[in-house]
């Protein structure tokens, strides 16, 4: 009887330990539901909003350990301002210079949790070949089975603000605002 109790206790402790130390899980970016966007004030008249249509990358998430990693690549040639003429203008050398720098990246260095959900993601943003530290504020997060893909999935909304001049894109500042808000709606499926 003593041996059965010891075996039961060992199994219970092993179950608790394995659930407490769950392995990190990797999620691939769903390009059809992930859109980084940016907005800025145009000559004081309006806030202009644009987005990028092609994003790739992965997210590593460990709910039990409250850790995560984010590695995102944005195809800057996929910029979508709503105007073909303005898309070309934004891709020119004075701004994104997509001929020389067709990719922007964000790589996390630290993820801070609030309870079971990420709240802040610190990392390095590289635009036009220049890397600067930024902090994304997470305003929404969900981890659950995807009803259509039949796999675990995660989704989030996050934002940060950067200065164009920090990335050698300061043409027309301050008439066109130097500060640019970057928002990202992201969905990723477990690999």
Protein backbone atom coordinates (compact mmCIF):
# COMPACT_ATOMS: atom_id res chain seq x y z
CA UNK A 1 0.00 0.00 0.00
CA UNK A 2 2.87 2.36 0.86
CA UNK A 3 4.43 1.68 -2.58
CA UNK A 4 1.16 2.50 -4.36
CA UNK A 5 0.86 5.79 -2.46
CA UNK A 6 4.47 6.70 -3.31
CA UNK A 7 3.90 5.82 -6.98
CA UNK A 8 0.68 7.88 -7.07
CA UNK A 9 2.47 10.84 -5.49
CA UNK A 10 5.35 10.54 -7.98
CA UNK A 11 2.91 10.47 -10.94
CA UNK A 12 1.00 13.49 -9.56
CA UNK A 13 4.23 15.47 -9.06
CA UNK A 14 5.46 14.57 -12.55
CA UNK A 15 2.14 15.74 -14.05
CA UNK A 16 2.30 19.04 -12.19
CA UNK A 17 5.95 19.56 -13.14
CA UNK A 18 5.35 18.84 -16.82
CA UNK A 19 2.40 21.24 -16.99
CA UNK A 20 4.36 23.91 -15.14
CA UNK A 21 7.28 23.64 -17.53
CA UNK A 22 5.47 23.36 -20.84
CA UNK A 23 7.69 23.67 -23.84
CA UNK A 24 7.60 26.87 -25.89
CA UNK A 25 5.38 26.62 -28.97
CA UNK A 26 6.15 28.15 -32.35
CA UNK A 27 3.48 29.93 -34.40
CA UNK A 28 3.84 30.94 -38.05
CA UNK A 29 2.49 34.32 -39.17
CA UNK A 30 -0.80 34.15 -41.07
CA UNK A 31 -0.09 36.62 -43.88
CA UNK A 32 -3.80 36.85 -44.73
CA UNK A 33 -4.62 38.26 -41.28
CA UNK A 34 -1.46 40.17 -40.33
CA UNK A 35 -1.18 43.79 -41.36
CA UNK A 36 1.31 46.32 -40.02
CA UNK A 37 -0.01 49.82 -40.61
CA UNK A 38 1.30 53.32 -40.03
CA UNK A 39 -0.29 56.73 -39.59
CA UNK A 40 0.99 60.29 -39.53
CA UNK A 41 -0.30 63.87 -39.74
CA UNK A 42 -0.22 65.30 -43.27
CA UNK A 43 0.36 69.08 -43.34
CA UNK A 44 -1.98 69.48 -40.38
CA UNK A 45 -4.98 68.61 -42.53
CA UNK A 46 -5.53 64.93 -41.73
CA UNK A 47 -4.12 61.74 -40.30
CA UNK A 48 -3.08 59.51 -43.20
CA UNK A 49 -3.21 55.74 -42.77
CA UNK A 50 -1.37 53.13 -44.85
CA UNK A 51 -0.41 49.49 -44.45
CA UNK A 52 1.88 46.73 -45.68
CA UNK A 53 0.26 43.73 -47.37
CA UNK A 54 3.02 41.11 -47.01
CA UNK A 55 4.36 40.00 -43.64
CA UNK A 56 6.19 36.82 -42.63
CA UNK A 57 7.75 35.53 -39.45
CA UNK A 58 7.18 33.54 -36.31
CA UNK A 59 6.22 33.91 -32.69
CA UNK A 60 7.40 31.63 -29.90
CA UNK A 61 5.01 31.56 -26.94
CA UNK A 62 5.26 29.74 -23.63
CA UNK A 63 2.16 30.48 -21.57
CA UNK A 64 3.33 28.50 -18.51
CA UNK A 65 6.76 30.14 -18.34
CA UNK A 66 5.36 33.54 -19.42
CA UNK A 67 7.97 34.01 -22.11
CA UNK A 68 7.86 34.80 -25.79
CA UNK A 69 9.82 35.80 -28.86
CA UNK A 70 8.72 37.72 -31.93
CA UNK A 71 10.56 37.74 -35.28
CA UNK A 72 8.73 39.62 -38.05
CA UNK A 73 9.74 40.60 -41.60
CA UNK A 74 7.73 43.13 -43.60
CA UNK A 75 7.98 43.39 -47.37
CA UNK A 76 8.23 47.19 -47.72
CA UNK A 77 7.46 46.95 -51.45
CA UNK A 78 3.96 45.84 -50.41
CA UNK A 79 3.14 49.29 -48.97
CA UNK A 80 -0.49 50.19 -49.65
CA UNK A 81 -1.45 53.85 -49.29
CA UNK A 82 -4.60 53.52 -51.39
CA UNK A 83 -2.91 55.30 -54.32
CA UNK A 84 -0.50 53.75 -56.82
CA UNK A 85 1.20 57.12 -57.34
CA UNK A 86 1.69 57.60 -53.59
CA UNK A 87 2.88 53.99 -53.16
CA UNK A 88 5.73 54.84 -55.56
CA UNK A 89 6.39 58.09 -53.65
CA UNK A 90 6.65 56.25 -50.28
CA UNK A 91 8.93 53.59 -51.83
CA UNK A 92 11.34 56.23 -53.19
CA UNK A 93 14.81 56.93 -51.80
CA UNK A 94 13.67 59.78 -49.50
CA UNK A 95 11.33 57.49 -47.61
CA UNK A 96 11.43 53.64 -47.54
CA UNK A 97 13.96 53.28 -50.38
CA UNK A 98 12.56 49.84 -51.20
CA UNK A 99 14.97 49.37 -54.12
CA UNK A 100 17.83 49.14 -51.61
CA UNK A 101 15.91 48.08 -48.46
CA UNK A 102 12.97 45.84 -49.48
CA UNK A 103 12.50 44.46 -45.97
CA UNK A 104 11.81 45.91 -42.54
CA UNK A 105 12.23 43.69 -39.48
CA UNK A 106 11.26 43.54 -35.82
CA UNK A 107 13.03 41.15 -33.45
CA UNK A 108 12.03 41.04 -29.81
CA UNK A 109 14.51 41.22 -26.97
CA UNK A 110 12.05 40.99 -24.05
CA UNK A 111 8.36 40.20 -23.55
CA UNK A 112 6.66 41.44 -20.37
CA UNK A 113 3.47 39.72 -19.26
CA UNK A 114 0.49 41.01 -17.31
CA UNK A 115 -1.01 37.85 -15.86
CA UNK A 116 -1.18 35.23 -18.64
CA UNK A 117 -0.98 37.71 -21.51
CA UNK A 118 1.89 39.68 -23.05
CA UNK A 119 1.60 43.40 -22.31
CA UNK A 120 4.84 44.91 -23.70
CA UNK A 121 7.26 43.65 -26.31
CA UNK A 122 10.67 45.30 -26.41
CA UNK A 123 12.78 44.77 -29.48
CA UNK A 124 14.76 46.14 -32.39
CA UNK A 125 13.06 47.67 -35.41
CA UNK A 126 15.12 47.88 -38.59
CA UNK A 127 13.92 50.28 -41.29
CA UNK A 128 15.99 51.48 -44.23
CA UNK A 129 19.03 49.65 -42.81
CA UNK A 130 18.86 51.50 -39.46
CA UNK A 131 18.10 49.60 -36.25
CA UNK A 132 16.51 51.29 -33.23
CA UNK A 133 14.98 49.90 -30.01
CA UNK A 134 11.19 50.18 -29.75
CA UNK A 135 8.54 48.95 -27.34
CA UNK A 136 5.25 47.59 -28.62
CA UNK A 137 2.25 48.01 -26.31
CA UNK A 138 -0.06 45.01 -26.65
CA UNK A 139 -3.70 46.10 -26.53
CA UNK A 140 -5.31 42.74 -27.17
CA UNK A 141 -4.17 39.11 -27.06
CA UNK A 142 -5.90 35.79 -27.60
CA UNK A 143 -4.59 32.20 -27.54
CA UNK A 144 -7.08 29.48 -28.46
CA UNK A 145 -7.86 26.79 -31.05
CA UNK A 146 -8.47 28.25 -34.50
CA UNK A 147 -12.02 27.22 -35.50
CA UNK A 148 -11.18 26.84 -39.21
CA UNK A 149 -7.53 25.72 -39.20
CA UNK A 150 -8.22 23.21 -36.38
CA UNK A 151 -4.88 24.14 -34.78
CA UNK A 152 -3.89 26.31 -31.85
CA UNK A 153 -3.55 29.97 -32.81
CA UNK A 154 -2.68 33.31 -31.29
CA UNK A 155 -3.67 36.83 -32.21
CA UNK A 156 -2.79 40.28 -30.97
CA UNK A 157 -2.97 43.99 -31.61
CA UNK A 158 -0.01 46.18 -30.67
CA UNK A 159 1.35 49.65 -31.37
CA UNK A 160 4.37 51.92 -30.98
CA UNK A 161 5.45 55.38 -32.13
CA UNK A 162 8.72 56.14 -33.94
CA UNK A 163 10.33 59.21 -35.47
CA UNK A 164 10.96 59.20 -39.22
CA UNK A 165 14.13 61.22 -38.73
CA UNK A 166 15.60 58.37 -36.64
CA UNK A 167 15.41 56.16 -39.74
CA UNK A 168 16.69 58.68 -42.33
CA UNK A 169 13.16 59.35 -43.65
CA UNK A 170 12.64 62.90 -42.43
CA UNK A 171 11.73 64.60 -45.70
CA UNK A 172 9.06 67.31 -45.21
CA UNK A 173 9.25 67.12 -41.39
CA UNK A 174 7.76 68.78 -39.42
CA UNK A 175 5.05 69.69 -41.96
CA UNK A 176 4.47 66.01 -42.44
CA UNK A 177 4.75 64.74 -38.86
CA UNK A 178 8.05 63.27 -37.77
CA UNK A 179 6.21 60.99 -35.36
CA UNK A 180 4.62 57.96 -36.99
CA UNK A 181 2.37 55.55 -35.15
CA UNK A 182 2.85 51.91 -36.13
CA UNK A 183 0.02 49.47 -35.42
CA UNK A 184 0.04 45.76 -36.09
CA UNK A 185 -2.84 43.32 -36.18
CA UNK A 186 -1.30 39.87 -36.10
CA UNK A 187 -2.52 36.29 -36.25
CA UNK A 188 -0.32 33.19 -36.17
CA UNK A 189 -1.00 29.44 -36.40
CA UNK A 190 0.87 26.80 -34.40
CA UNK A 191 3.42 25.00 -36.57
